[in-house]
Amino acid sequence: MNAKEKVVLAYSGGLDTSYCIPYLRERKGYDVITVTADTGGFAPGELQALEARALSLGAVAHHTVDARARVFDRYAAYLIKGNVLRGDVYPLSVAAERVAQAEAVAEVAQRERAAAVAHGSTGAGNDQVRFDIAFSVLLPGVPVVAPIRDETLTRDEEYAFLEGRGVRFERKVREYSINTGLWGATIGGGETHDPWAEIPAAVYEQAIGAQAAGGTEHVSIGFEKGIPVSLDGRKLSGVDLVRELGSLCRRHRVGFGVHIGDTVLGIKGRIAFEAGAALVLIQAHRELEKITTTSWQRFWKDHLADFYGKMLHEGHFFEPALRDIEALIDSSQERVTGDARARLDSGAFAVVGVRSPFTMARAASGVYGELPKLWTAADAKGFGAIAAIPARLHRQAGEGGSTAEGAPPGR
């Protein structure tokens, strides 16, 4: 008997990807190999349970890949250095994970010499595009199978298919869909579909799973060249720092938000999210940048970083222009080293202080609103006169030159 061709499936353990295993085996004739990429959202013991479920559904092999460091180093680090918030509110929690997951699947597919790769995305969301683009770049010519999208299946049809093969999947109707990872949790469904509806506090509680802490708490975040490296003076890896800060933020209910914006496919989408660590780190970094970089450095870097976030959101991480933008971002961060102090307090946070050995806010240059030290009063007077020239000339031209210097004679 000839060996079956292999397909490598991105496996989350939910209904959709669980359906894909017997579907790909029975209807497509593949040997199914599942891959779960740990991007930081699994509870203790959950990864082992996912592997057991995949094998019980008929997978011939399962791989668990620790992708947490990749999420931080390759994606979150640049979102921090770029101060990237989509729609000025959302730190791209899911987009930061999906490319890492696709890369993990592609690496296993290459090792296994798979004939195809598969994912369980539907035809209505962003993830299908992100996976398709990544696989097209990383595995050119390898077919991508997406059973849920391709067959336009309902969840009831998926339940029935599995139950017909003796596989019982809990028929638990969940109003909300929650995706949790290192860079935050996103929440869809329910009130998120109505742009006028407020998200109930109880919905966020489902996502955070932490006991609330009372009172105010301060935390000091150390940065080196734009990257957070310590909490309260303790050196930590990027993954551990985000996890610890995230836990602290969740206890203080910091990081809840709602984002509405444009999806990859052009329709509007709305999600609720919990991403305290991401929001605090981005704001702390932004404040530290203000004393260590010039206004033009921040202007151009933030403009390009906004485009960078848009491309990552839409699945275009492998566009070479993003490598060029990363080079500019890295260059801008050479002196973004120091500490930022944040206050966490009952659902709110503020960056209350920053310091750096490269600060440009030294008293030797002058005290804002008080005494100048690098210029004289005459210098300031001349600066004001010269700075007014463009607007002065524009106004005079709009008046037809009747009172302007050098107006044509006879008018």
Protein backbone atom coordinates (compact mmCIF):
# COMPACT_ATOMS: atom_id res chain seq x y z
CA MET A 1 0.00 0.00 0.00
CA ASN A 2 1.29 3.44 -0.89
CA ALA A 3 1.92 5.81 2.01
CA LYS A 4 -0.63 8.58 2.36
CA GLU A 5 0.34 12.17 1.72
CA LYS A 6 0.77 14.32 4.80
CA VAL A 7 -1.02 17.51 5.69
CA VAL A 8 0.12 19.71 8.58
CA LEU A 9 -2.74 21.41 10.41
CA ALA A 10 -2.52 24.53 12.59
CA TYR A 11 -4.35 23.15 15.63
CA SER A 12 -5.85 25.27 18.41
CA GLY A 13 -7.92 22.49 19.96
CA GLY A 14 -11.27 24.18 19.39
CA LEU A 15 -14.27 22.88 17.49
CA ASP A 16 -13.16 24.16 14.06
CA THR A 17 -9.66 22.70 14.06
CA SER A 18 -10.86 19.52 15.77
CA TYR A 19 -13.37 19.04 12.95
CA CYS A 20 -10.53 19.44 10.44
CA ILE A 21 -8.67 16.32 11.64
CA PRO A 22 -11.25 13.64 10.66
CA TYR A 23 -12.34 15.72 7.65
CA LEU A 24 -8.81 15.86 6.23
CA ARG A 25 -8.30 12.18 7.00
CA GLU A 26 -11.58 10.83 5.66
CA ARG A 27 -12.56 13.17 2.85
CA LYS A 28 -9.15 14.25 1.63
CA GLY A 29 -7.22 11.05 2.35
CA TYR A 30 -4.36 12.69 4.24
CA ASP A 31 -2.30 11.58 7.19
CA VAL A 32 -2.89 14.53 9.52
CA ILE A 33 -0.07 16.03 11.59
CA THR A 34 -1.17 18.70 14.05
CA VAL A 35 0.87 21.65 15.31
CA THR A 36 -0.02 23.80 18.32
CA ALA A 37 2.08 26.95 18.65
CA ASP A 38 2.21 28.18 22.23
CA THR A 39 1.97 31.97 21.94
CA GLY A 40 1.39 32.46 25.64
CA GLY A 41 -2.32 31.83 26.13
CA PHE A 42 -2.46 28.29 27.51
CA ALA A 43 -3.21 27.32 31.11
CA PRO A 44 -1.09 24.68 32.88
CA GLY A 45 -1.85 21.21 31.51
CA GLU A 46 -3.84 22.55 28.57
CA LEU A 47 -1.17 21.82 25.97
CA GLN A 48 -1.01 18.18 27.03
CA ALA A 49 -4.80 17.94 26.82
CA LEU A 50 -4.74 19.39 23.30
CA GLU A 51 -2.20 16.83 22.16
CA ALA A 52 -4.31 13.99 23.59
CA ARG A 53 -7.40 15.35 21.84
CA ALA A 54 -5.64 15.66 18.48
CA LEU A 55 -4.38 12.08 18.63
CA SER A 56 -7.78 10.76 19.73
CA LEU A 57 -9.35 12.46 16.70
CA GLY A 58 -7.01 10.64 14.36
CA ALA A 59 -3.86 12.74 14.00
CA VAL A 60 -0.83 10.52 13.29
CA ALA A 61 1.49 12.91 15.14
CA HIS A 62 1.33 16.13 17.13
CA HIS A 63 3.91 18.87 17.66
CA THR A 64 3.85 21.57 20.33
CA VAL A 65 6.06 24.55 19.51
CA ASP A 66 7.01 27.18 22.10
CA ALA A 67 6.58 30.39 20.08
CA ARG A 68 6.37 32.84 22.98
CA ALA A 69 9.87 34.27 22.59
CA ARG A 70 9.29 34.61 18.86
CA VAL A 71 6.11 36.60 19.47
CA PHE A 72 8.02 39.02 21.69
CA ASP A 73 11.30 39.29 19.80
CA ARG A 74 9.99 39.38 16.24
CA TYR A 75 6.68 41.22 16.63
CA ALA A 76 5.87 42.74 20.03
CA ALA A 77 9.31 44.35 20.35
CA TYR A 78 8.73 46.41 17.22
CA LEU A 79 5.18 47.27 18.27
CA ILE A 80 6.67 48.70 21.48
CA LYS A 81 9.52 50.55 19.77
CA GLY A 82 7.10 51.86 17.17
CA ASN A 83 4.40 52.85 19.72
CA VAL A 84 1.95 50.95 17.51
CA LEU A 85 -1.72 51.12 18.49
CA ARG A 86 -4.20 50.41 15.73
CA GLY A 87 -6.89 53.05 15.77
CA ASP A 88 -4.80 54.68 18.56
CA VAL A 89 -6.18 52.12 21.04
CA TYR A 90 -5.47 48.47 20.12
CA PRO A 91 -1.99 46.88 20.39
CA LEU A 92 -2.52 44.24 17.66
CA SER A 93 -2.67 41.35 20.11
CA VAL A 94 -3.80 38.70 17.60
CA ALA A 95 -1.75 39.86 14.60
CA ALA A 96 1.39 39.56 16.73
CA GLU A 97 0.62 35.85 17.19
CA ARG A 98 -0.62 34.64 13.83
CA VAL A 99 2.60 34.94 11.85
CA ALA A 100 4.47 33.12 14.63
CA GLN A 101 1.89 30.33 14.47
CA ALA A 102 2.11 30.11 10.69
CA GLU A 103 5.90 29.96 10.88
CA ALA A 104 5.73 27.08 13.37
CA VAL A 105 3.38 25.15 11.07
CA ALA A 106 5.56 25.84 8.03
CA GLU A 107 8.69 24.61 9.79
CA VAL A 108 7.02 21.30 10.69
CA ALA A 109 5.61 20.99 7.17
CA GLN A 110 9.08 21.37 5.68
CA ARG A 111 10.56 18.76 8.03
CA GLU A 112 7.73 16.33 7.34
CA ARG A 113 7.78 17.03 3.58
CA ALA A 114 4.05 17.60 3.75
CA ALA A 115 1.97 17.74 0.61
CA ALA A 116 -0.30 20.44 2.06
CA VAL A 117 -0.94 22.65 5.07
CA ALA A 118 -4.30 23.47 6.64
CA HIS A 119 -5.96 25.90 9.03
CA GLY A 120 -9.42 26.16 10.56
CA SER A 121 -10.21 29.81 9.77
CA THR A 122 -13.65 30.82 8.57
CA GLY A 123 -14.29 32.87 5.44
CA ALA A 124 -15.34 36.01 7.30
CA GLY A 125 -12.33 36.96 9.42
CA ASN A 126 -8.78 38.29 9.20
CA ASP A 127 -6.98 35.09 10.18
CA GLN A 128 -7.63 33.27 6.91
CA VAL A 129 -5.74 35.98 5.02
CA ARG A 130 -2.88 36.04 7.52
CA PHE A 131 -2.39 32.27 7.31
CA ASP A 132 -2.79 32.15 3.53
CA ILE A 133 -0.24 34.90 2.89
CA ALA A 134 2.30 33.46 5.34
CA PHE A 135 2.01 29.95 3.88
CA SER A 136 2.26 31.30 0.34
CA VAL A 137 5.54 33.02 1.21
CA LEU A 138 7.03 30.31 3.43
CA LEU A 139 5.80 27.28 1.45
CA PRO A 140 5.48 28.40 -2.18
CA GLY A 141 3.51 25.93 -4.26
CA VAL A 142 2.21 23.97 -1.27
CA PRO A 143 -1.62 23.84 -1.28
CA VAL A 144 -3.48 25.46 1.61
CA VAL A 145 -6.63 23.64 2.74
CA ALA A 146 -9.21 25.51 4.86
CA PRO A 147 -12.17 23.16 5.38
CA ILE A 148 -14.36 25.49 7.43
CA ARG A 149 -14.01 28.26 4.87
CA ASP A 150 -14.04 26.08 1.79
CA GLU A 151 -17.12 24.08 2.83
CA THR A 152 -18.94 27.11 4.35
CA LEU A 153 -19.82 25.02 7.36
CA THR A 154 -21.97 25.95 10.33
CA ARG A 155 -20.98 24.94 13.83
CA ASP A 156 -24.01 22.63 14.02
CA GLU A 157 -22.75 20.80 10.94
CA GLU A 158 -19.35 20.42 12.56
CA TYR A 159 -20.91 19.00 15.73
CA ALA A 160 -22.96 16.54 13.71
CA PHE A 161 -19.97 15.42 11.66
CA LEU A 162 -17.93 14.67 14.78
CA GLU A 163 -20.79 13.02 16.65
CA GLY A 164 -21.48 10.78 13.66
CA ARG A 165 -18.01 9.37 14.15
CA GLY A 166 -18.42 8.81 17.87
CA VAL A 167 -16.59 11.98 18.87
CA ARG A 168 -18.48 13.95 21.49
CA PHE A 169 -17.63 17.62 21.58
CA GLU A 170 -19.24 19.70 24.30
CA ARG A 171 -22.20 21.55 22.81
CA LYS A 172 -21.65 24.63 24.87
CA VAL A 173 -23.05 27.76 23.30
CA ARG A 174 -20.57 30.52 23.97
CA GLU A 175 -21.79 34.00 23.27
CA TYR A 176 -18.26 35.31 23.34
CA SER A 177 -15.13 34.12 21.56
CA ILE A 178 -11.94 34.77 23.53
CA ASN A 179 -8.43 34.54 22.10
CA THR A 180 -5.65 34.79 24.68
CA GLY A 181 -1.92 35.14 24.07
CA LEU A 182 1.23 36.75 25.40
CA TRP A 183 0.34 40.16 23.95
CA GLY A 184 -3.22 40.23 25.28
CA ALA A 185 -6.70 38.77 24.99
CA THR A 186 -9.34 39.69 22.43
CA ILE A 187 -13.07 39.17 22.84
CA GLY A 188 -15.62 38.87 20.05
CA GLY A 189 -19.34 38.15 19.92
CA GLY A 190 -22.28 39.47 21.93
CA GLU A 191 -22.24 43.23 22.38
CA THR A 192 -19.13 43.63 20.23
CA HIS A 193 -21.38 43.34 17.15
CA ASP A 194 -23.25 46.52 18.08
CA PRO A 195 -21.04 49.66 17.92
CA TRP A 196 -23.44 51.46 20.30
CA ALA A 197 -23.45 48.76 22.99
CA GLU A 198 -21.14 48.98 25.99
CA ILE A 199 -19.16 45.84 26.81
CA PRO A 200 -20.27 44.50 30.23
CA ALA A 201 -17.57 44.29 32.88
CA ALA A 202 -18.39 40.60 33.34
CA VAL A 203 -17.17 39.92 29.79
CA TYR A 204 -13.70 41.19 30.64
CA GLU A 205 -13.71 39.12 33.80
CA GLN A 206 -14.03 36.01 31.62
CA ALA A 207 -10.81 36.95 29.88
CA ILE A 208 -8.58 37.88 32.81
CA GLY A 209 -9.16 35.25 35.47
CA ALA A 210 -7.33 37.14 38.22
CA GLN A 211 -8.35 38.29 41.68
CA ALA A 212 -8.69 42.06 41.93
CA ALA A 213 -6.20 44.00 44.03
CA GLY A 214 -7.09 47.16 45.92
CA GLY A 215 -5.12 50.38 46.25
CA THR A 216 -2.49 52.04 44.09
CA GLU A 217 0.70 50.34 42.97
CA HIS A 218 3.78 51.70 41.20
CA VAL A 219 6.05 49.76 38.88
CA SER A 220 9.35 50.83 37.32
CA ILE A 221 10.12 49.54 33.82
CA GLY A 222 13.70 49.56 32.57
CA PHE A 223 14.43 49.94 28.85
CA GLU A 224 17.55 49.33 26.78
CA LYS A 225 17.49 50.72 23.24
CA GLY A 226 13.72 50.77 23.27
CA ILE A 227 13.25 47.22 24.61
CA PRO A 228 11.81 46.62 28.10
CA VAL A 229 14.33 44.57 30.08
CA SER A 230 13.47 44.93 33.77
CA LEU A 231 10.69 45.42 36.31
CA ASP A 232 11.55 47.25 39.52
CA GLY A 233 15.23 46.66 38.81
CA ARG A 234 14.91 42.90 38.17
CA LYS A 235 16.24 41.80 34.80
CA LEU A 236 13.73 39.64 32.95
CA SER A 237 13.35 38.06 29.53
CA GLY A 238 10.80 39.72 27.29
CA VAL A 239 8.34 36.87 27.79
CA ASP A 240 8.64 36.85 31.59
CA LEU A 241 8.44 40.64 31.78
CA VAL A 242 5.22 40.77 29.75
CA ARG A 243 3.71 37.92 31.79
CA GLU A 244 4.56 39.54 35.15
CA LEU A 245 3.45 43.01 34.13
CA GLY A 246 0.30 41.55 32.56
CA SER A 247 -0.58 39.77 35.78
CA LEU A 248 -0.05 42.98 37.75
CA CYS A 249 -2.22 44.95 35.33
CA ARG A 250 -5.00 42.35 35.46
CA ARG A 251 -5.13 42.55 39.26
CA HIS A 252 -5.62 46.31 38.96
CA ARG A 253 -8.08 45.93 36.05
CA VAL A 254 -5.77 47.94 33.80
CA GLY A 255 -5.84 47.37 30.05
CA PHE A 256 -9.51 46.95 29.12
CA GLY A 257 -10.52 48.51 25.83
CA VAL A 258 -12.68 48.38 22.71
CA HIS A 259 -11.46 48.74 19.13
CA ILE A 260 -13.53 49.26 16.01
CA GLY A 261 -11.83 49.49 12.66
CA ASP A 262 -11.30 48.13 9.18
CA THR A 263 -10.80 44.42 8.68
CA VAL A 264 -8.48 42.97 6.07
CA LEU A 265 -11.49 42.23 3.85
CA GLY A 266 -12.81 45.77 4.03
CA ILE A 267 -15.76 45.44 6.40
CA LYS A 268 -15.85 47.05 9.82
CA GLY A 269 -15.05 44.94 12.85
CA ARG A 270 -15.28 45.52 16.60
CA ILE A 271 -13.59 43.70 19.43
CA ALA A 272 -13.10 44.11 23.13
CA PHE A 273 -9.63 43.43 24.47
CA GLU A 274 -7.53 43.10 27.60
CA ALA A 275 -3.88 44.00 27.04
CA GLY A 276 -2.59 45.80 30.11
CA ALA A 277 1.08 44.89 29.66
CA ALA A 278 1.08 45.99 26.03
CA LEU A 279 -0.63 49.30 26.73
CA VAL A 280 1.57 50.18 29.70
CA LEU A 281 4.77 49.23 27.89
CA ILE A 282 3.89 51.26 24.80
CA GLN A 283 2.95 54.33 26.83
CA ALA A 284 6.02 54.01 29.07
CA HIS A 285 8.24 53.68 26.01
CA ARG A 286 6.60 56.70 24.35
CA GLU A 287 7.29 58.90 27.38
CA LEU A 288 10.92 57.75 27.63
CA GLU A 289 11.36 58.53 23.93
CA LYS A 290 10.24 62.10 24.49
CA ILE A 291 13.34 62.92 26.55
CA THR A 292 15.85 60.90 24.50
CA THR A 293 14.97 61.61 20.86
CA THR A 294 14.27 64.66 18.70
CA SER A 295 10.81 65.59 17.50
CA TRP A 296 11.69 64.69 13.89
CA GLN A 297 13.00 61.28 14.91
CA ARG A 298 9.68 60.52 16.58
CA PHE A 299 7.63 62.06 13.79
CA TRP A 300 9.05 59.94 10.99
CA LYS A 301 9.50 56.80 13.06
CA ASP A 302 5.91 56.88 14.34
CA HIS A 303 4.52 57.55 10.84
CA LEU A 304 6.35 54.56 9.40
CA ALA A 305 5.52 52.43 12.45
CA ASP A 306 1.81 53.11 11.93
CA PHE A 307 2.15 51.73 8.40
CA TYR A 308 4.14 48.81 9.85
CA GLY A 309 1.24 47.99 12.18
CA LYS A 310 -1.25 48.17 9.31
CA MET A 311 0.81 45.73 7.26
CA LEU A 312 1.23 43.33 10.18
CA HIS A 313 -2.51 43.49 10.88
CA GLU A 314 -3.25 42.59 7.26
CA GLY A 315 -0.83 39.66 7.17
CA HIS A 316 2.01 41.29 5.20
CA PHE A 317 4.82 40.73 7.70
CA PHE A 318 7.08 39.33 4.96
CA GLU A 319 6.86 42.46 2.77
CA PRO A 320 10.54 43.60 2.49
CA ALA A 321 9.58 47.22 3.15
CA LEU A 322 8.94 46.17 6.75
CA ARG A 323 12.60 45.16 7.12
CA ASP A 324 13.57 48.65 5.97
CA ILE A 325 11.19 50.20 8.50
CA GLU A 326 12.61 47.97 11.25
CA ALA A 327 16.09 49.27 10.40
CA LEU A 328 14.91 52.87 10.82
CA ILE A 329 13.09 52.01 14.05
CA ASP A 330 16.21 50.33 15.46
CA SER A 331 18.34 53.35 14.52
CA SER A 332 15.92 55.69 16.29
CA GLN A 333 16.18 53.65 19.50
CA GLU A 334 19.95 53.91 20.06
CA ARG A 335 19.47 56.26 23.03
CA VAL A 336 16.06 55.13 24.28
CA THR A 337 17.54 53.67 27.44
CA GLY A 338 16.38 54.44 30.96
CA ASP A 339 13.44 53.93 33.27
CA ALA A 340 9.75 54.77 33.22
CA ARG A 341 7.58 54.66 36.33
CA ALA A 342 3.89 53.79 36.01
CA ARG A 343 1.06 54.04 38.53
CA LEU A 344 -1.69 51.40 38.40
CA ASP A 345 -4.94 52.26 40.13
CA SER A 346 -8.40 50.67 39.78
CA GLY A 347 -8.73 50.42 36.02
CA ALA A 348 -6.46 53.35 35.15
CA PHE A 349 -2.75 53.83 34.69
CA ALA A 350 -0.41 56.74 34.14
CA VAL A 351 3.30 57.08 33.42
CA VAL A 352 4.35 59.40 36.23
CA GLY A 353 8.09 59.72 35.63
CA VAL A 354 10.95 58.97 33.24
CA ARG A 355 14.73 59.19 33.47
CA SER A 356 17.61 58.40 31.18
CA PRO A 357 21.39 58.87 30.97
CA PHE A 358 20.68 60.26 27.48
CA THR A 359 18.02 62.75 28.56
CA MET A 360 17.73 65.94 26.53
CA ALA A 361 15.64 67.51 29.30
CA ARG A 362 18.54 68.81 31.36
CA ALA A 363 18.32 72.03 33.38
CA ALA A 364 21.56 73.20 31.73
CA SER A 365 19.60 73.87 28.52
CA GLY A 366 17.05 76.02 30.29
CA VAL A 367 13.98 75.63 32.45
CA TYR A 368 10.78 75.68 30.42
CA GLY A 369 8.63 78.70 31.23
CA GLU A 370 11.35 80.28 33.38
CA LEU A 371 14.94 81.17 32.42
CA PRO A 372 16.67 80.46 29.09
CA LYS A 373 20.31 79.33 29.21
CA LEU A 374 21.21 78.61 25.59
CA TRP A 375 19.96 81.89 24.08
CA THR A 376 19.47 85.54 24.93
CA ALA A 377 16.33 87.66 25.01
CA ALA A 378 17.41 89.24 21.72
CA ASP A 379 17.83 85.78 20.19
CA ALA A 380 14.30 84.85 21.22
CA LYS A 381 12.88 88.09 19.81
CA GLY A 382 14.62 87.51 16.47
CA PHE A 383 13.49 83.89 16.38
CA GLY A 384 9.88 84.94 16.81
CA ALA A 385 10.11 87.47 14.01
CA ILE A 386 11.71 85.02 11.58
CA ALA A 387 9.34 82.18 12.49
CA ALA A 388 6.37 84.38 11.57
CA ILE A 389 7.61 85.10 8.02
CA PRO A 390 5.88 82.24 6.08
CA ALA A 391 2.45 82.92 7.62
CA ARG A 392 2.96 86.70 7.25
CA LEU A 393 3.75 86.40 3.55
CA HIS A 394 0.82 84.05 2.97
CA ARG A 395 -1.59 86.47 4.63
CA GLN A 396 -0.27 89.40 2.66
CA ALA A 397 -0.62 87.51 -0.61
CA GLY A 398 -4.23 86.68 0.23
CA GLU A 399 -4.98 90.35 0.75
CA GLY A 400 -4.05 90.99 -2.88
CA GLY A 401 -0.84 92.76 -2.03
CA SER A 402 -2.62 96.09 -1.37
CA THR A 403 -0.82 96.62 1.90
CA ALA A 404 2.11 94.35 1.24
CA GLU A 405 5.64 95.54 0.90
CA GLY A 406 6.60 95.84 -2.73
CA ALA A 407 3.03 96.14 -4.03
CA PRO A 408 2.84 97.21 -7.70
CA PRO A 409 2.62 101.00 -8.07
CA GLY A 410 -0.69 102.59 -9.06
CA ARG A 411 -2.87 100.26 -7.06
